[in-house]
N, C-alpha and C. Protein backbone atom coordinates (compact mmCIF):
# COMPACT_ATOMS: atom_id res chain seq x y z
N UNK A 1 0.84 -0.73 -0.22
CA UNK A 1 0.15 -0.26 -0.51
C UNK A 1 1.05 0.72 -0.40
N UNK A 2 0.55 2.01 -0.51
CA UNK A 2 0.86 2.99 -0.77
C UNK A 2 1.19 4.25 0.53
N UNK A 3 2.14 5.43 1.35
CA UNK A 3 2.30 6.20 1.74
C UNK A 3 1.07 7.81 0.87
N UNK A 4 1.32 7.11 0.38
CA UNK A 4 1.22 8.38 -0.67
C UNK A 4 -0.44 8.99 -0.89
N UNK A 5 -1.56 9.71 -0.37
CA UNK A 5 -2.31 10.00 -0.19
C UNK A 5 -2.96 10.49 -1.42
N UNK A 6 -4.66 10.14 -1.14
CA UNK A 6 -5.19 9.67 -1.89
C UNK A 6 -5.74 11.13 -2.66
N UNK A 7 -5.63 11.15 -4.05
CA UNK A 7 -5.41 12.36 -4.38
C UNK A 7 -7.32 12.23 -5.66
N UNK A 8 -8.26 12.73 -5.38
CA UNK A 8 -9.51 12.47 -6.02
C UNK A 8 -9.73 13.83 -6.86
N UNK A 9 -10.62 13.40 -7.81
CA UNK A 9 -10.63 14.47 -9.21
C UNK A 9 -11.35 16.49 -7.92
N UNK A 10 -10.81 17.17 -9.11
CA UNK A 10 -11.04 18.74 -8.66
C UNK A 10 -11.96 18.98 -9.45
N UNK A 11 -13.56 19.29 -8.37
CA UNK A 11 -14.49 20.57 -9.13
C UNK A 11 -14.15 21.82 -9.07
N UNK A 12 -14.53 22.34 -10.49
CA UNK A 12 -14.93 24.11 -9.94
C UNK A 12 -15.43 24.74 -9.10
N UNK A 13 -15.72 25.72 -8.52
CA UNK A 13 -16.67 26.27 -7.51
C UNK A 13 -16.78 27.44 -8.34
N UNK A 14 -18.46 27.60 -8.18
CA UNK A 14 -18.87 28.15 -8.95
C UNK A 14 -18.61 29.15 -8.70
N UNK A 15 -18.88 30.65 -9.73
CA UNK A 15 -18.66 32.40 -9.49
C UNK A 15 -19.97 32.43 -8.32
N UNK A 16 -20.03 32.97 -8.24
CA UNK A 16 -20.99 33.23 -7.27
C UNK A 16 -20.93 35.12 -7.05
N UNK A 17 -22.05 35.38 -7.21
CA UNK A 17 -21.59 37.24 -6.76
C UNK A 17 -22.48 37.57 -5.04
N UNK A 18 -21.97 37.79 -4.15
CA UNK A 18 -22.07 38.61 -3.20
C UNK A 18 -23.27 39.24 -3.13
N UNK A 19 -24.13 38.68 -2.93
CA UNK A 19 -25.80 39.40 -2.44
C UNK A 19 -25.23 40.84 -1.58
N UNK A 20 -25.27 42.19 -1.29
CA UNK A 20 -25.35 43.55 -0.69
C UNK A 20 -25.67 42.96 1.09
N UNK A 21 -26.90 42.40 0.89
CA UNK A 21 -27.47 41.61 2.31
C UNK A 21 -27.02 41.02 2.90
N UNK A 22 -25.70 40.71 2.57
CA UNK A 22 -24.71 39.36 3.67
C UNK A 22 -24.02 40.14 4.43
N UNK A 23 -24.22 39.41 5.39
CA UNK A 23 -22.85 40.01 6.36
C UNK A 23 -21.50 39.22 5.60
N UNK A 24 -20.53 39.43 6.95
CA UNK A 24 -19.28 38.44 6.07
C UNK A 24 -19.32 37.10 6.98
N UNK A 25 -19.71 37.27 7.41
CA UNK A 25 -19.82 35.65 8.52
C UNK A 25 -21.08 34.83 7.67
N UNK A 26 -22.17 35.58 6.95
CA UNK A 26 -23.07 34.80 6.24
C UNK A 26 -22.57 34.54 4.85
N UNK A 27 -21.11 35.43 4.30
CA UNK A 27 -20.77 34.62 3.09
C UNK A 27 -19.44 34.23 3.51
N UNK A 28 -18.68 34.10 4.73
CA UNK A 28 -18.33 32.94 4.41
C UNK A 28 -18.77 31.88 4.81
N UNK A 29 -19.97 31.43 5.43
CA UNK A 29 -20.21 30.57 5.32
C UNK A 29 -21.00 29.82 4.24
N UNK A 30 -21.42 30.66 2.94
CA UNK A 30 -21.95 30.53 1.25
C UNK A 30 -20.41 29.88 0.80
N UNK A 31 -19.35 30.26 1.53
CA UNK A 31 -18.53 30.35 0.10
C UNK A 31 -17.26 28.40 0.85
N UNK A 32 -17.93 28.77 1.94
CA UNK A 32 -17.21 27.29 2.20
C UNK A 32 -18.21 26.34 2.32
N UNK A 33 -20.12 26.42 1.89
CA UNK A 33 -20.19 25.31 1.53
C UNK A 33 -20.34 24.75 -0.22
N UNK A 34 -20.27 26.13 -0.82
CA UNK A 34 -19.34 25.56 -1.77
C UNK A 34 -18.28 24.89 -1.97
N UNK A 35 -17.22 25.54 -1.10
CA UNK A 35 -15.62 24.31 -1.07
C UNK A 35 -16.28 23.04 -0.65
N UNK A 36 -16.75 22.98 0.09
CA UNK A 36 -16.59 21.53 0.53
C UNK A 36 -18.07 20.49 -0.64
N UNK A 37 -19.16 21.48 -0.86
CA UNK A 37 -19.45 20.94 -2.36
C UNK A 37 -18.41 20.55 -3.44
N UNK A 38 -17.94 21.17 -3.84
CA UNK A 38 -16.92 21.17 -4.99
C UNK A 38 -16.17 19.78 -3.90
N UNK A 39 -15.85 19.77 -3.21
CA UNK A 39 -14.57 18.67 -2.33
C UNK A 39 -15.85 17.43 -2.19
N UNK A 40 -16.95 17.20 -2.18
CA UNK A 40 -17.56 16.27 -2.27
C UNK A 40 -17.53 15.49 -3.56
N UNK A 41 -17.66 16.24 -4.75
CA UNK A 41 -18.25 15.88 -5.78
C UNK A 41 -16.96 15.37 -6.44
N UNK A 42 -16.20 15.78 -6.59
CA UNK A 42 -14.35 15.11 -6.72
C UNK A 42 -14.49 14.03 -5.57
N UNK A 43 -14.59 13.72 -4.66
CA UNK A 43 -14.15 12.67 -3.95
C UNK A 43 -15.59 11.58 -4.57
N UNK A 44 -16.94 11.90 -4.86
CA UNK A 44 -17.49 11.11 -5.35
C UNK A 44 -17.07 10.32 -6.76
N UNK A 45 -16.96 11.62 -7.02
CA UNK A 45 -16.23 11.14 -8.65
C UNK A 45 -14.79 10.21 -8.78
N UNK A 46 -14.15 10.57 -7.57
CA UNK A 46 -13.04 9.49 -7.54
C UNK A 46 -13.22 7.98 -7.38
N UNK A 47 -14.44 7.97 -6.75
CA UNK A 47 -14.71 6.89 -6.11
C UNK A 47 -15.14 5.32 -6.95
N UNK A 48 -16.13 6.52 -7.92
CA UNK A 48 -16.27 5.77 -9.27
C UNK A 48 -14.96 5.48 -10.41
N UNK A 49 -13.71 6.37 -10.34
CA UNK A 49 -12.82 6.38 -11.57
C UNK A 49 -11.84 4.93 -10.24
N UNK A 50 -12.25 4.57 -9.09
CA UNK A 50 -11.51 3.62 -8.45
C UNK A 50 -12.49 2.23 -8.56
N UNK A 51 -13.10 2.65 -8.32
CA UNK A 51 -14.47 1.43 -8.64
C UNK A 51 -14.04 1.23 -10.62
N UNK A 52 -14.17 1.44 -11.57
CA UNK A 52 -14.07 1.69 -12.61
C UNK A 52 -12.50 0.85 -13.10
N UNK A 53 -10.99 1.30 -12.53
CA UNK A 53 -10.37 1.15 -12.48
C UNK A 53 -9.64 -0.57 -12.69
N UNK A 54 -10.82 -0.88 -10.96
CA UNK A 54 -10.51 -2.57 -9.89
C UNK A 54 -11.18 -2.91 -11.31
N UNK A 55 -12.08 -2.78 -12.28
CA UNK A 55 -13.23 -3.35 -12.37
C UNK A 55 -12.39 -3.69 -14.31
N UNK A 56 -11.14 -3.17 -14.51
CA UNK A 56 -10.54 -2.82 -15.57
C UNK A 56 -11.44 -2.15 -17.09
N UNK A 57 -12.28 -1.29 -16.40
CA UNK A 57 -12.39 -0.98 -17.75
C UNK A 57 -11.92 0.24 -18.08
N UNK A 58 -10.70 0.11 -17.98
CA UNK A 58 -9.71 1.75 -18.68
C UNK A 58 -9.01 0.72 -19.71
N UNK A 59 -9.36 -0.89 -20.01
CA UNK A 59 -9.31 -1.06 -21.27
C UNK A 59 -10.31 -1.11 -22.26
N UNK A 60 -11.16 -0.75 -22.32
CA UNK A 60 -11.78 -0.66 -23.40
C UNK A 60 -12.72 1.48 -23.24
N UNK A 61 -11.21 1.46 -22.60
CA UNK A 61 -12.11 3.73 -22.92
C UNK A 61 -11.89 4.13 -23.66
N UNK A 62 -12.48 4.88 -23.67
CA UNK A 62 -12.80 5.80 -25.31
C UNK A 62 -11.60 6.89 -24.88
N UNK A 63 -11.20 7.26 -23.62
CA UNK A 63 -9.95 7.12 -23.70
C UNK A 63 -8.43 7.04 -23.84
N UNK A 64 -7.07 7.48 -24.46
CA UNK A 64 -5.92 7.00 -24.51
C UNK A 64 -5.00 7.22 -23.00
N UNK A 65 -5.62 8.42 -22.01
CA UNK A 65 -4.97 8.51 -21.05
C UNK A 65 -5.09 7.24 -20.36
N UNK A 66 -6.66 7.05 -20.25
CA UNK A 66 -6.89 5.81 -18.92
C UNK A 66 -6.04 4.90 -19.65
N UNK A 67 -6.56 4.62 -20.76
CA UNK A 67 -5.95 2.34 -21.37
C UNK A 67 -4.53 2.95 -21.25
N UNK A 68 -3.90 4.30 -21.70
CA UNK A 68 -2.43 4.40 -21.51
C UNK A 68 -1.21 4.40 -20.20
N UNK A 69 -2.36 4.43 -18.59
CA UNK A 69 -2.03 5.20 -17.17
C UNK A 69 -2.51 3.32 -16.47
N UNK A 70 -3.65 2.75 -17.45
CA UNK A 70 -4.10 1.41 -17.04
C UNK A 70 -4.67 1.67 -15.82
N UNK A 71 -5.71 2.63 -15.54
CA UNK A 71 -6.63 2.87 -14.23
C UNK A 71 -7.27 4.09 -14.95
N UNK A 72 -8.27 4.68 -14.64
CA UNK A 72 -9.53 5.21 -14.99
C UNK A 72 -9.44 7.08 -14.37
N UNK A 73 -9.12 7.80 -15.39
CA UNK A 73 -8.54 9.26 -14.98
C UNK A 73 -9.54 10.13 -15.72
N UNK A 74 -10.37 9.23 -16.41
CA UNK A 74 -11.55 10.25 -17.09
C UNK A 74 -12.92 11.17 -16.55
N UNK A 75 -13.08 11.83 -16.98
CA UNK A 75 -14.06 12.50 -16.67
C UNK A 75 -15.02 12.89 -17.87
N UNK A 76 -16.45 13.43 -17.68
CA UNK A 76 -17.52 14.30 -18.04
C UNK A 76 -17.48 15.68 -17.98
N UNK A 77 -17.79 16.38 -18.95
CA UNK A 77 -18.27 17.91 -18.87
C UNK A 77 -19.14 18.18 -17.35
N UNK A 78 -18.10 19.17 -16.13
CA UNK A 78 -18.89 18.75 -15.47
C UNK A 78 -20.21 19.71 -14.70
N UNK A 79 -20.58 20.17 -15.92
CA UNK A 79 -21.78 21.35 -16.13
C UNK A 79 -22.74 20.41 -16.59
N UNK A 80 -22.53 19.46 -17.27
CA UNK A 80 -23.57 18.29 -17.54
C UNK A 80 -24.50 17.44 -17.07
N UNK A 81 -25.94 18.29 -16.34
CA UNK A 81 -26.55 17.06 -15.77
C UNK A 81 -27.98 16.42 -16.44
N UNK A 82 -27.63 16.83 -17.78
CA UNK A 82 -28.27 15.70 -18.42
C UNK A 82 -28.64 14.47 -18.71
N UNK A 83 -28.72 13.83 -17.45
CA UNK A 83 -28.14 12.66 -16.90
C UNK A 83 -28.38 12.32 -15.52
N UNK A 84 -29.13 11.77 -14.75
CA UNK A 84 -28.66 12.15 -13.84
C UNK A 84 -26.85 11.07 -13.04
N UNK A 85 -26.33 12.29 -12.04
CA UNK A 85 -24.57 12.42 -12.06
C UNK A 85 -23.61 12.36 -12.85
N UNK A 86 -24.16 12.91 -13.90
CA UNK A 86 -23.21 12.59 -15.17
C UNK A 86 -21.75 13.08 -15.02
N UNK A 87 -21.93 13.92 -14.33
CA UNK A 87 -20.64 14.59 -14.39
C UNK A 87 -19.89 13.97 -13.11
N UNK A 88 -20.44 12.75 -12.58
CA UNK A 88 -19.71 11.98 -11.13
C UNK A 88 -19.06 10.77 -12.20
N UNK A 89 -19.65 10.34 -13.47
CA UNK A 89 -19.35 9.61 -13.81
C UNK A 89 -18.12 8.88 -15.51
N UNK A 90 -17.77 8.28 -15.45
CA UNK A 90 -16.51 8.73 -16.17
C UNK A 90 -17.29 8.20 -17.78
N UNK A 91 -16.35 8.30 -18.39
CA UNK A 91 -17.24 7.90 -19.47
C UNK A 91 -16.99 7.34 -20.49
N UNK A 92 -15.93 5.94 -19.78
CA UNK A 92 -16.46 4.56 -20.00
C UNK A 92 -17.39 3.47 -19.32
N UNK A 93 -17.76 4.16 -18.52
CA UNK A 93 -19.18 3.21 -18.00
C UNK A 93 -20.86 3.90 -18.55
N UNK A 94 -21.09 3.00 -19.84
CA UNK A 94 -22.79 3.54 -19.86
C UNK A 94 -23.16 4.19 -18.99
N UNK A 95 -24.00 5.06 -19.72
CA UNK A 95 -24.90 5.60 -19.36
C UNK A 95 -26.08 5.20 -19.17
N UNK A 96 -26.61 4.23 -18.53
CA UNK A 96 -27.55 3.26 -18.29
C UNK A 96 -28.08 3.30 -17.19
N UNK A 97 -29.33 3.78 -16.53
CA UNK A 97 -29.35 3.64 -14.99
C UNK A 97 -29.13 2.13 -14.50
N UNK A 98 -29.27 0.72 -14.87
CA UNK A 98 -29.40 -0.43 -14.11
C UNK A 98 -27.37 -0.22 -14.11
N UNK A 99 -26.84 0.68 -15.20
CA UNK A 99 -25.55 0.00 -15.01
C UNK A 99 -24.69 1.12 -13.51
N UNK A 100 -25.27 2.20 -14.24
CA UNK A 100 -25.09 2.88 -12.86
C UNK A 100 -25.41 2.70 -11.62
N UNK A 101 -26.75 2.49 -10.98
CA UNK A 101 -26.99 2.29 -9.94
C UNK A 101 -26.15 0.62 -9.28
N UNK A 102 -26.18 0.07 -10.47
CA UNK A 102 -25.51 -0.96 -9.64
C UNK A 102 -23.13 -0.55 -9.00
N UNK A 103 -23.54 -0.11 -10.20
CA UNK A 103 -22.10 1.25 -9.21
C UNK A 103 -22.00 1.74 -8.66
N UNK A 104 -23.11 2.63 -8.16
CA UNK A 104 -23.38 4.11 -6.72
C UNK A 104 -23.80 3.01 -6.13
N UNK A 105 -24.71 1.49 -5.41
CA UNK A 105 -24.40 1.00 -5.13
C UNK A 105 -23.30 -0.19 -4.54
N UNK A 106 -22.69 0.17 -5.29
CA UNK A 106 -21.08 -0.67 -4.75
C UNK A 106 -20.70 0.16 -3.78
N UNK A 107 -19.88 1.87 -4.82
CA UNK A 107 -19.91 2.10 -3.99
C UNK A 107 -20.13 2.68 -2.48
N UNK A 108 -21.73 3.30 -2.28
CA UNK A 108 -21.78 2.30 -1.16
C UNK A 108 -21.77 1.20 -0.27
N UNK A 109 -21.24 0.34 -0.34
CA UNK A 109 -21.35 -0.35 0.37
C UNK A 109 -20.03 -0.24 0.71
N UNK A 110 -19.06 -0.30 0.11
CA UNK A 110 -17.54 0.10 0.47
C UNK A 110 -17.30 1.32 1.10
N UNK A 111 -18.01 2.05 0.62
CA UNK A 111 -17.79 3.77 1.87
C UNK A 111 -18.13 2.42 3.15
N UNK A 112 -19.93 2.42 3.48
CA UNK A 112 -19.97 1.69 3.88
C UNK A 112 -19.05 0.66 5.26
N UNK A 113 -18.28 0.10 4.47
CA UNK A 113 -17.86 -0.70 5.36
C UNK A 113 -16.14 -0.16 5.94
N UNK A 114 -15.81 1.05 4.93
CA UNK A 114 -14.52 1.87 5.33
C UNK A 114 -14.50 2.88 6.84
N UNK A 115 -15.76 2.87 6.15
CA UNK A 115 -16.51 3.56 7.69
C UNK A 115 -16.64 2.88 9.09
N UNK A 116 -17.03 1.24 8.79
CA UNK A 116 -17.20 0.74 9.95
C UNK A 116 -16.25 0.12 10.73
N UNK A 117 -15.03 -0.07 9.77
CA UNK A 117 -13.70 -0.48 10.38
C UNK A 117 -13.02 1.04 10.39
N UNK A 118 -12.96 2.18 10.30
CA UNK A 118 -12.59 3.15 10.62
C UNK A 118 -13.12 3.28 12.76
N UNK A 119 -14.47 2.90 12.75
CA UNK A 119 -14.72 3.13 13.72
C UNK A 119 -14.54 2.35 13.92
N UNK A 120 -13.97 1.15 13.71
CA UNK A 120 -13.45 -0.62 15.16
C UNK A 120 -12.19 0.59 15.47
N UNK A 121 -11.13 0.40 14.45
CA UNK A 121 -10.06 1.05 14.92
C UNK A 121 -9.73 2.80 15.87
N UNK A 122 -11.08 3.54 15.57
CA UNK A 122 -11.25 4.29 16.72
C UNK A 122 -11.58 3.23 18.31
N UNK A 123 -12.73 2.38 18.78
CA UNK A 123 -13.39 2.16 19.91
C UNK A 123 -11.30 0.95 20.13
N UNK A 124 -10.74 0.48 19.05
CA UNK A 124 -9.71 -0.26 19.71
C UNK A 124 -8.54 1.37 20.69
N UNK A 125 -8.92 1.94 19.47
CA UNK A 125 -7.51 2.92 19.92
C UNK A 125 -7.90 3.61 21.31
N UNK A 126 -9.16 3.34 21.94
CA UNK A 126 -9.50 4.19 22.67
C UNK A 126 -9.93 3.22 23.88
N UNK A 127 -9.33 2.00 23.45
CA UNK A 127 -9.91 1.06 24.80
C UNK A 127 -8.44 0.78 25.59
N UNK A 128 -8.84 1.04 27.34
CA UNK A 128 -7.80 0.16 27.42
C UNK A 128 -7.25 -1.11 27.47
N UNK A 129 -6.09 -0.87 27.67
CA UNK A 129 -5.15 -2.45 27.17
C UNK A 129 -4.91 -3.08 28.66
N UNK A 130 -5.43 -4.25 27.80
CA UNK A 130 -5.38 -5.25 29.10
C UNK A 130 -4.42 -6.21 29.30
N UNK A 131 -4.13 -6.41 30.35
CA UNK A 131 -2.71 -6.92 30.56
C UNK A 131 -3.34 -8.74 30.08
N UNK A 132 -2.53 -9.26 29.65
CA UNK A 132 -2.21 -10.53 29.85
C UNK A 132 -2.58 -10.92 31.55
N UNK A 133 -3.62 -12.49 30.86
CA UNK A 133 -3.06 -13.14 32.01
C UNK A 133 -2.23 -14.31 32.11
N UNK A 134 -2.09 -14.01 33.63
CA UNK A 134 0.09 -15.23 34.39
C UNK A 134 0.85 -14.30 33.76
N UNK A 135 0.97 -12.87 33.66
CA UNK A 135 1.74 -11.63 33.65
C UNK A 135 2.46 -11.11 34.39
């Protein structure tokens, strides 16, 4: 396993005009919310790309970069929502509801497994150490 942190794709934060009635604190909250939303979208696309790489979709991907790198790095236009979740679905995935939903189900299951494992690690780390019997 690599020590390098996982780098997920980045989504652009939409340009927004500040309404004159917003306070500095309100505007900071709006900006923070937009940054978190863009971050979440990037993570979701990254999870799709990891699953596509694991399934070997890069072998038949229309993008040369994915085939050359032997992993999914492709993405669709981030402002095209003509199909549900389209910006989160790499180009190698057919835009068919059944396929997309099956992949989303697998991503949700994997995230649940990771969260459970993280919770178990936190529980073990906070538990007092037990002395061995007979020691």
